[in-house]
C-alpha cells in the first residue's frame, strides 16, 4: 500500500518515524498494523527498515491500548516469519538491524532515543562514531510471557547459525 511506499522514501520515512514515535495510540495503531503486515517489503529497505524498527520499538507500549490485541497478533505473526527467515535477516545489512530491534523489544530493552542509529554519511561525519555509544534502557512494566518464549526461540536460531 501507500504506507509501504512512503516508508521506503528517503525523506518521508523520517516523517513516518516521528509520527510513530509521538502520535497517540488511538491515532497510530492503524498505521502500525499496516506497516507490520507489510514488514517483508520494509525490513531489507534502507529507509523502510528504520520505519519498521520504530514500529517494533513501540509495540509493547501500544499492546496495552484499545486495539492492542490486533497489534499483538500481527507482531507475533511477524516474529514467527522472521524466525523462519533468520538466515536472510542475519545476512542483510538492514534486516539485521530490524532483527536486533525485535530482540531488544522481546528482551524488554530499548536503545536510548538520543542515541538513535545514524542514517547518512553527513550525519555520521558530524557525530564521529557516536552510533557505537548506544545505551540500553529497561522498558517499564512487565513484558508478556510470550515475549520471553519468543526471545528464547530467537536466541536458539541465532546460536544455530554460528
N, C-alpha and C. Protein backbone atom coordinates (compact mmCIF):
# COMPACT_ATOMS: atom_id res chain seq x y z
N UNK A 1 0.80 -1.18 0.00
CA UNK A 1 0.00 0.00 0.00
C UNK A 1 0.86 1.26 0.00
N UNK A 2 0.19 2.36 0.08
CA UNK A 2 0.87 3.65 0.07
C UNK A 2 1.79 3.81 1.28
N UNK A 3 1.42 3.21 2.40
CA UNK A 3 2.26 3.31 3.60
C UNK A 3 3.65 2.74 3.34
N UNK A 4 3.71 1.63 2.63
CA UNK A 4 4.99 1.00 2.32
C UNK A 4 5.83 1.89 1.42
N UNK A 5 5.19 2.48 0.41
CA UNK A 5 5.93 3.39 -0.49
C UNK A 5 6.45 4.61 0.28
N UNK A 6 5.65 5.15 1.19
CA UNK A 6 6.10 6.29 1.99
C UNK A 6 7.26 5.90 2.90
N UNK A 7 7.17 4.71 3.49
CA UNK A 7 8.21 4.25 4.41
C UNK A 7 9.54 4.02 3.70
N UNK A 8 9.50 3.72 2.42
CA UNK A 8 10.73 3.45 1.67
C UNK A 8 11.29 4.71 1.00
N UNK A 9 10.65 5.83 1.19
CA UNK A 9 11.12 7.09 0.63
C UNK A 9 12.09 7.74 1.62
N UNK A 10 13.23 8.20 1.10
CA UNK A 10 14.28 8.75 1.94
C UNK A 10 13.79 9.86 2.88
N UNK A 11 12.97 10.75 2.39
CA UNK A 11 12.54 11.90 3.19
C UNK A 11 11.27 11.61 3.99
N UNK A 12 10.32 10.95 3.37
CA UNK A 12 9.06 10.68 4.04
C UNK A 12 9.19 9.65 5.15
N UNK A 13 10.20 8.78 5.05
CA UNK A 13 10.41 7.79 6.10
C UNK A 13 10.73 8.47 7.43
N UNK A 14 11.44 9.58 7.38
CA UNK A 14 11.74 10.34 8.60
C UNK A 14 10.47 10.88 9.24
N UNK A 15 9.55 11.36 8.41
CA UNK A 15 8.27 11.86 8.91
C UNK A 15 7.49 10.72 9.57
N UNK A 16 7.45 9.57 8.91
CA UNK A 16 6.75 8.43 9.49
C UNK A 16 7.37 7.99 10.81
N UNK A 17 8.68 7.98 10.89
CA UNK A 17 9.35 7.61 12.14
C UNK A 17 8.91 8.50 13.29
N UNK A 18 8.86 9.80 13.05
CA UNK A 18 8.45 10.74 14.10
C UNK A 18 6.98 10.55 14.44
N UNK A 19 6.14 10.32 13.44
CA UNK A 19 4.73 10.06 13.70
C UNK A 19 4.56 8.83 14.59
N UNK A 20 5.30 7.78 14.25
CA UNK A 20 5.21 6.54 15.02
C UNK A 20 5.66 6.73 16.46
N UNK A 21 6.62 7.61 16.65
CA UNK A 21 7.19 7.84 17.98
C UNK A 21 6.29 8.68 18.87
N UNK A 22 5.63 9.70 18.30
CA UNK A 22 4.97 10.70 19.13
C UNK A 22 3.44 10.75 19.04
N UNK A 23 2.84 10.06 18.10
CA UNK A 23 1.39 10.13 17.94
C UNK A 23 0.70 9.23 18.97
N UNK A 24 -0.48 9.62 19.38
CA UNK A 24 -1.22 8.85 20.39
C UNK A 24 -1.59 7.47 19.86
N UNK A 25 -1.72 6.49 20.77
CA UNK A 25 -2.02 5.12 20.35
C UNK A 25 -3.26 4.98 19.49
N UNK A 26 -4.33 5.66 19.85
CA UNK A 26 -5.58 5.55 19.08
C UNK A 26 -5.38 5.97 17.63
N UNK A 27 -4.59 7.00 17.42
CA UNK A 27 -4.37 7.51 16.07
C UNK A 27 -3.35 6.69 15.29
N UNK A 28 -2.39 6.07 15.97
CA UNK A 28 -1.27 5.46 15.26
C UNK A 28 -1.40 3.95 15.05
N UNK A 29 -2.22 3.28 15.84
CA UNK A 29 -2.32 1.82 15.70
C UNK A 29 -2.71 1.37 14.30
N UNK A 30 -3.67 2.02 13.62
CA UNK A 30 -3.97 1.58 12.25
C UNK A 30 -2.76 1.63 11.32
N UNK A 31 -1.93 2.67 11.45
CA UNK A 31 -0.72 2.75 10.64
C UNK A 31 0.27 1.67 11.04
N UNK A 32 0.42 1.44 12.33
CA UNK A 32 1.30 0.37 12.82
C UNK A 32 0.89 -0.97 12.21
N UNK A 33 -0.40 -1.25 12.25
CA UNK A 33 -0.88 -2.53 11.71
C UNK A 33 -0.54 -2.67 10.23
N UNK A 34 -0.76 -1.62 9.46
CA UNK A 34 -0.47 -1.68 8.01
C UNK A 34 1.02 -1.88 7.76
N UNK A 35 1.85 -1.20 8.53
CA UNK A 35 3.30 -1.33 8.34
C UNK A 35 3.79 -2.71 8.78
N UNK A 36 3.31 -3.20 9.91
CA UNK A 36 3.76 -4.51 10.37
C UNK A 36 3.28 -5.64 9.47
N UNK A 37 2.09 -5.51 8.90
CA UNK A 37 1.60 -6.52 7.97
C UNK A 37 2.49 -6.58 6.73
N UNK A 38 3.02 -5.43 6.32
CA UNK A 38 3.88 -5.35 5.13
C UNK A 38 5.36 -5.34 5.50
N UNK A 39 5.73 -5.92 6.62
CA UNK A 39 7.10 -5.88 7.11
C UNK A 39 8.10 -6.43 6.10
N UNK A 40 7.71 -7.44 5.32
CA UNK A 40 8.66 -8.05 4.38
C UNK A 40 9.14 -7.06 3.32
N UNK A 41 8.29 -6.12 2.95
CA UNK A 41 8.68 -5.10 1.97
C UNK A 41 9.58 -4.04 2.59
N UNK A 42 9.57 -3.91 3.91
CA UNK A 42 10.29 -2.84 4.59
C UNK A 42 11.61 -3.27 5.20
N UNK A 43 11.68 -4.49 5.67
CA UNK A 43 12.78 -4.92 6.51
C UNK A 43 14.16 -4.85 5.84
N UNK A 44 14.23 -5.06 4.55
CA UNK A 44 15.52 -5.03 3.85
C UNK A 44 15.71 -3.77 3.03
N UNK A 45 14.87 -2.77 3.24
CA UNK A 45 14.98 -1.49 2.54
C UNK A 45 15.74 -0.51 3.42
N UNK A 46 16.62 0.27 2.81
CA UNK A 46 17.46 1.21 3.53
C UNK A 46 16.66 2.15 4.43
N UNK A 47 15.54 2.65 3.95
CA UNK A 47 14.74 3.61 4.72
C UNK A 47 13.57 2.93 5.42
N UNK A 48 12.96 1.98 4.75
CA UNK A 48 11.84 1.25 5.34
C UNK A 48 12.23 0.50 6.60
N UNK A 49 13.49 0.04 6.67
CA UNK A 49 13.94 -0.69 7.85
C UNK A 49 13.93 0.21 9.09
N UNK A 50 14.23 1.48 8.93
CA UNK A 50 14.18 2.41 10.06
C UNK A 50 12.74 2.58 10.55
N UNK A 51 11.81 2.63 9.61
CA UNK A 51 10.40 2.80 9.97
C UNK A 51 9.89 1.56 10.71
N UNK A 52 10.23 0.38 10.20
CA UNK A 52 9.74 -0.84 10.86
C UNK A 52 10.39 -0.99 12.24
N UNK A 53 11.63 -0.54 12.40
CA UNK A 53 12.27 -0.56 13.72
C UNK A 53 11.50 0.34 14.69
N UNK A 54 11.07 1.50 14.21
CA UNK A 54 10.28 2.40 15.05
C UNK A 54 8.96 1.76 15.46
N UNK A 55 8.34 1.04 14.53
CA UNK A 55 7.10 0.31 14.84
C UNK A 55 7.34 -0.72 15.93
N UNK A 56 8.37 -1.52 15.74
CA UNK A 56 8.66 -2.60 16.67
C UNK A 56 8.97 -2.05 18.06
N UNK A 57 9.72 -0.97 18.13
CA UNK A 57 10.10 -0.39 19.41
C UNK A 57 8.89 0.06 20.23
N UNK A 58 7.82 0.43 19.56
CA UNK A 58 6.64 0.95 20.26
C UNK A 58 5.58 -0.11 20.54
N UNK A 59 5.77 -1.32 20.02
CA UNK A 59 4.78 -2.38 20.19
C UNK A 59 4.42 -2.63 21.65
N UNK A 60 5.37 -2.80 22.58
CA UNK A 60 4.97 -3.09 23.97
C UNK A 60 4.05 -2.02 24.57
N UNK A 61 4.34 -0.78 24.28
CA UNK A 61 3.53 0.32 24.80
C UNK A 61 2.12 0.29 24.20
N UNK A 62 2.02 -0.01 22.92
CA UNK A 62 0.73 0.03 22.23
C UNK A 62 -0.12 -1.21 22.47
N UNK A 63 0.51 -2.32 22.88
CA UNK A 63 -0.24 -3.55 23.11
C UNK A 63 -1.27 -3.40 24.23
N UNK A 64 -1.06 -2.45 25.11
CA UNK A 64 -1.99 -2.25 26.23
C UNK A 64 -3.13 -1.31 25.88
N UNK A 65 -3.14 -0.76 24.67
CA UNK A 65 -4.18 0.20 24.28
C UNK A 65 -5.38 -0.53 23.67
N UNK A 66 -6.36 0.26 23.23
CA UNK A 66 -7.64 -0.26 22.78
C UNK A 66 -7.55 -1.35 21.70
N UNK A 67 -6.78 -1.13 20.66
CA UNK A 67 -6.67 -2.12 19.58
C UNK A 67 -5.38 -2.92 19.70
N UNK A 68 -4.88 -3.01 20.91
CA UNK A 68 -3.61 -3.68 21.16
C UNK A 68 -3.60 -5.16 20.81
N UNK A 69 -4.73 -5.82 20.93
CA UNK A 69 -4.79 -7.26 20.62
C UNK A 69 -4.49 -7.52 19.15
N UNK A 70 -5.01 -6.66 18.27
CA UNK A 70 -4.71 -6.81 16.84
C UNK A 70 -3.23 -6.60 16.58
N UNK A 71 -2.67 -5.59 17.21
CA UNK A 71 -1.25 -5.28 17.06
C UNK A 71 -0.39 -6.43 17.60
N UNK A 72 -0.79 -6.97 18.74
CA UNK A 72 -0.07 -8.09 19.34
C UNK A 72 -0.05 -9.29 18.38
N UNK A 73 -1.21 -9.60 17.81
CA UNK A 73 -1.31 -10.73 16.88
C UNK A 73 -0.40 -10.53 15.66
N UNK A 74 -0.44 -9.33 15.07
CA UNK A 74 0.38 -9.04 13.88
C UNK A 74 1.86 -9.09 14.24
N UNK A 75 2.24 -8.57 15.41
CA UNK A 75 3.64 -8.60 15.85
C UNK A 75 4.12 -10.04 16.00
N UNK A 76 3.32 -10.89 16.62
CA UNK A 76 3.71 -12.29 16.80
C UNK A 76 3.82 -13.01 15.46
N UNK A 77 2.91 -12.70 14.54
CA UNK A 77 3.00 -13.30 13.20
C UNK A 77 4.30 -12.88 12.51
N UNK A 78 4.65 -11.59 12.64
CA UNK A 78 5.88 -11.09 12.05
C UNK A 78 7.09 -11.81 12.67
N UNK A 79 7.08 -11.96 14.00
CA UNK A 79 8.19 -12.63 14.68
C UNK A 79 8.33 -14.08 14.21
N UNK A 80 7.21 -14.77 14.05
CA UNK A 80 7.25 -16.16 13.57
C UNK A 80 7.84 -16.23 12.17
N UNK A 81 7.46 -15.29 11.32
CA UNK A 81 8.01 -15.26 9.96
C UNK A 81 9.50 -14.95 9.99
N UNK A 82 9.92 -14.02 10.85
CA UNK A 82 11.34 -13.69 10.97
C UNK A 82 12.14 -14.92 11.41
N UNK A 83 11.59 -15.70 12.32
CA UNK A 83 12.27 -16.92 12.76
C UNK A 83 12.51 -17.87 11.59
N UNK A 84 11.55 -17.95 10.69
CA UNK A 84 11.68 -18.81 9.53
C UNK A 84 12.60 -18.26 8.45
N UNK A 85 12.91 -16.98 8.54
CA UNK A 85 13.73 -16.31 7.53
C UNK A 85 15.02 -15.76 8.15
N UNK A 86 15.49 -16.42 9.21
CA UNK A 86 16.60 -15.92 10.00
C UNK A 86 17.89 -15.74 9.19
N UNK A 87 18.20 -16.67 8.33
CA UNK A 87 19.45 -16.57 7.55
C UNK A 87 19.48 -15.31 6.72
N UNK A 88 18.39 -15.02 6.04
CA UNK A 88 18.34 -13.80 5.22
C UNK A 88 18.46 -12.56 6.10
N UNK A 89 17.79 -12.57 7.25
CA UNK A 89 17.84 -11.40 8.14
C UNK A 89 19.25 -11.17 8.67
N UNK A 90 19.92 -12.24 9.05
CA UNK A 90 21.28 -12.11 9.59
C UNK A 90 22.28 -11.64 8.55
N UNK A 91 22.02 -11.98 7.30
CA UNK A 91 22.96 -11.64 6.23
C UNK A 91 22.63 -10.34 5.52
N UNK A 92 21.52 -9.72 5.85
CA UNK A 92 21.13 -8.48 5.20
C UNK A 92 21.52 -7.29 6.08
N UNK A 93 22.13 -6.28 5.48
CA UNK A 93 22.57 -5.10 6.21
C UNK A 93 21.44 -4.47 7.02
N UNK A 94 20.30 -4.29 6.40
CA UNK A 94 19.19 -3.61 7.07
C UNK A 94 18.34 -4.59 7.88
N UNK A 95 18.18 -5.80 7.37
CA UNK A 95 17.42 -6.82 8.07
C UNK A 95 18.01 -7.17 9.42
N UNK A 96 19.35 -7.16 9.51
CA UNK A 96 20.00 -7.49 10.78
C UNK A 96 19.70 -6.42 11.85
N UNK A 97 19.54 -5.17 11.43
CA UNK A 97 19.18 -4.11 12.37
C UNK A 97 17.75 -4.29 12.87
N UNK A 98 16.87 -4.69 11.97
CA UNK A 98 15.48 -4.95 12.37
C UNK A 98 15.44 -6.13 13.34
N UNK A 99 16.21 -7.15 13.03
CA UNK A 99 16.28 -8.32 13.91
C UNK A 99 16.77 -7.92 15.30
N UNK A 100 17.78 -7.05 15.36
CA UNK A 100 18.28 -6.57 16.64
C UNK A 100 17.17 -5.85 17.41
N UNK A 101 16.39 -5.04 16.70
CA UNK A 101 15.30 -4.30 17.35
C UNK A 101 14.25 -5.26 17.91
N UNK A 102 13.94 -6.32 17.17
CA UNK A 102 12.98 -7.32 17.64
C UNK A 102 13.50 -7.96 18.92
N UNK A 103 14.78 -8.34 18.92
CA UNK A 103 15.37 -8.99 20.09
C UNK A 103 15.38 -8.06 21.29
N UNK A 104 15.74 -6.79 21.09
CA UNK A 104 15.72 -5.82 22.19
C UNK A 104 14.31 -5.64 22.74
N UNK A 105 13.33 -5.59 21.85
CA UNK A 105 11.94 -5.41 22.27
C UNK A 105 11.46 -6.63 23.05
N UNK A 106 11.76 -7.81 22.56
CA UNK A 106 11.34 -9.03 23.25
C UNK A 106 12.03 -9.15 24.61
N UNK A 107 13.26 -8.65 24.71
CA UNK A 107 14.01 -8.72 25.97
C UNK A 107 13.56 -7.65 26.96
N UNK A 108 12.79 -6.67 26.48
CA UNK A 108 12.32 -5.62 27.37
C UNK A 108 13.26 -4.45 27.47
N UNK A 109 14.08 -4.23 26.45
CA UNK A 109 15.01 -3.11 26.42
C UNK A 109 14.74 -2.25 25.21
N UNK A 110 15.26 -1.02 25.25
CA UNK A 110 15.22 -0.18 24.06
C UNK A 110 16.51 0.62 24.00
N UNK A 111 16.90 0.95 22.76
CA UNK A 111 18.06 1.81 22.57
C UNK A 111 17.60 3.21 22.89
N UNK A 112 18.41 3.93 23.64
CA UNK A 112 18.07 5.31 24.02
C UNK A 112 17.76 6.12 22.78
N UNK A 113 16.66 6.87 22.84
CA UNK A 113 16.22 7.67 21.69
C UNK A 113 17.27 8.71 21.30
N UNK A 114 18.07 9.16 22.25
CA UNK A 114 19.09 10.16 21.92
C UNK A 114 20.27 9.52 21.21
N UNK A 115 20.34 8.21 21.22
CA UNK A 115 21.44 7.51 20.57
C UNK A 115 20.91 6.68 19.41
N UNK A 116 20.00 7.25 18.64
CA UNK A 116 19.39 6.52 17.53
C UNK A 116 20.43 6.21 16.45
N UNK A 117 20.15 5.24 15.59
CA UNK A 117 21.08 4.92 14.51
C UNK A 117 21.30 6.13 13.59
N UNK A 118 22.48 6.27 13.09
CA UNK A 118 22.81 7.38 12.19
C UNK A 118 22.49 6.94 10.77
N UNK A 119 21.75 7.78 10.05
CA UNK A 119 21.19 7.38 8.77
C UNK A 119 22.03 7.71 7.54
N UNK A 120 22.88 8.71 7.58
CA UNK A 120 23.63 9.01 6.37
C UNK A 120 25.05 9.46 6.70
N UNK A 121 25.88 9.53 5.68
CA UNK A 121 27.30 9.82 5.89
C UNK A 121 27.55 11.23 6.40
N UNK A 122 26.72 12.19 6.00
CA UNK A 122 26.90 13.55 6.52
C UNK A 122 26.67 13.59 8.02
N UNK A 123 25.61 12.95 8.46
CA UNK A 123 25.30 12.92 9.88
C UNK A 123 26.37 12.13 10.65
N UNK A 124 26.86 11.05 10.03
CA UNK A 124 27.90 10.25 10.66
C UNK A 124 29.17 11.07 10.86
N UNK A 125 29.52 11.89 9.86
CA UNK A 125 30.72 12.73 9.96
C UNK A 125 30.58 13.73 11.10
N UNK A 126 29.40 14.29 11.25
CA UNK A 126 29.16 15.26 12.32
C UNK A 126 29.26 14.59 13.69
N UNK A 127 28.70 13.40 13.82
CA UNK A 127 28.67 12.72 15.11
C UNK A 127 29.91 11.88 15.39
N UNK A 128 30.74 11.67 14.41
CA UNK A 128 32.01 10.96 14.52
C UNK A 128 31.96 9.72 15.42
N UNK A 129 31.17 8.75 15.00
CA UNK A 129 31.20 7.47 15.69
C UNK A 129 30.29 7.33 16.88
N UNK A 130 29.46 8.30 17.19
CA UNK A 130 28.62 8.20 18.39
C UNK A 130 27.60 7.07 18.30
N UNK A 131 27.40 6.52 17.10
CA UNK A 131 26.44 5.44 16.97
C UNK A 131 26.91 4.19 17.72
N UNK A 132 28.17 4.13 18.11
CA UNK A 132 28.67 2.98 18.85
C UNK A 132 28.51 3.15 20.36
N UNK A 133 28.02 4.30 20.79
CA UNK A 133 27.87 4.58 22.21
C UNK A 133 26.42 4.50 22.65
N UNK A 134 25.67 3.56 22.12
CA UNK A 134 24.26 3.42 22.45
C UNK A 134 24.09 2.91 23.87
N UNK A 135 23.01 3.33 24.49
CA UNK A 135 22.70 2.85 25.84
C UNK A 135 21.37 2.10 25.78
N UNK A 136 21.34 0.96 26.43
CA UNK A 136 20.11 0.22 26.54
C UNK A 136 19.43 0.61 27.84
N UNK A 137 18.13 0.82 27.77
CA UNK A 137 17.37 1.10 28.98
C UNK A 137 16.24 0.10 29.08
N UNK A 138 15.96 -0.33 30.29
CA UNK A 138 14.90 -1.30 30.53
C UNK A 138 13.55 -0.64 30.33
N UNK A 139 12.66 -1.31 29.61
CA UNK A 139 11.31 -0.79 29.43
C UNK A 139 10.53 -0.92 30.72
N UNK A 140 9.64 0.03 30.96
CA UNK A 140 8.82 0.00 32.16
C UNK A 140 7.73 -1.05 32.02
N UNK A 141 7.27 -1.55 33.16
CA UNK A 141 6.19 -2.53 33.15
C UNK A 141 6.72 -3.94 32.94
N UNK A 142 5.81 -4.88 32.96
CA UNK A 142 6.20 -6.26 32.75
C UNK A 142 5.97 -6.63 31.31
N UNK A 143 6.87 -7.42 30.79
CA UNK A 143 6.70 -7.85 29.41
C UNK A 143 5.85 -9.11 29.39
N UNK A 144 5.10 -9.32 28.32
CA UNK A 144 4.28 -10.53 28.24
C UNK A 144 5.14 -11.79 28.28
N UNK A 145 4.62 -12.87 28.86
CA UNK A 145 5.36 -14.13 28.95
C UNK A 145 5.72 -14.66 27.56
N UNK A 146 4.85 -14.38 26.61
CA UNK A 146 5.11 -14.84 25.25
C UNK A 146 6.38 -14.18 24.69
N UNK A 147 6.70 -12.98 25.14
CA UNK A 147 7.93 -12.30 24.71
C UNK A 147 9.14 -13.14 25.11
N UNK A 148 9.14 -13.66 26.33
CA UNK A 148 10.28 -14.46 26.80
C UNK A 148 10.42 -15.74 25.99
N UNK A 149 9.31 -16.38 25.68
CA UNK A 149 9.36 -17.61 24.87
C UNK A 149 9.90 -17.31 23.47
N UNK A 150 9.41 -16.23 22.87
CA UNK A 150 9.90 -15.86 21.54
C UNK A 150 11.38 -15.48 21.58
N UNK A 151 11.80 -14.80 22.62
CA UNK A 151 13.20 -14.41 22.76
C UNK A 151 14.10 -15.65 22.80
N UNK A 152 13.68 -16.67 23.55
CA UNK A 152 14.45 -17.92 23.59
C UNK A 152 14.55 -18.55 22.21
N UNK A 153 13.45 -18.53 21.46
CA UNK A 153 13.47 -19.09 20.10
C UNK A 153 14.44 -18.32 19.21
N UNK A 154 14.42 -17.00 19.32
CA UNK A 154 15.35 -16.18 18.52
C UNK A 154 16.79 -16.49 18.92
N UNK A 155 17.03 -16.62 20.22
CA UNK A 155 18.38 -16.94 20.69
C UNK A 155 18.87 -18.26 20.15
N UNK A 156 18.01 -19.27 20.16
CA UNK A 156 18.39 -20.59 19.63
C UNK A 156 18.68 -20.52 18.14
N UNK A 157 17.85 -19.76 17.40
CA UNK A 157 18.05 -19.62 15.96
C UNK A 157 19.38 -18.94 15.65
N UNK A 158 19.67 -17.86 16.37
CA UNK A 158 20.93 -17.13 16.14
C UNK A 158 22.12 -18.01 16.49
N UNK A 159 22.03 -18.72 17.63
CA UNK A 159 23.13 -19.60 18.05
C UNK A 159 23.35 -20.72 17.06
N UNK A 160 22.28 -21.21 16.46
CA UNK A 160 22.40 -22.30 15.48
C UNK A 160 23.11 -21.86 14.21
N UNK A 161 23.11 -20.56 13.94
CA UNK A 161 23.74 -20.04 12.72
C UNK A 161 25.25 -19.84 12.88
N UNK A 162 25.73 -19.87 14.13
CA UNK A 162 27.17 -19.62 14.36
C UNK A 162 27.97 -20.88 14.38
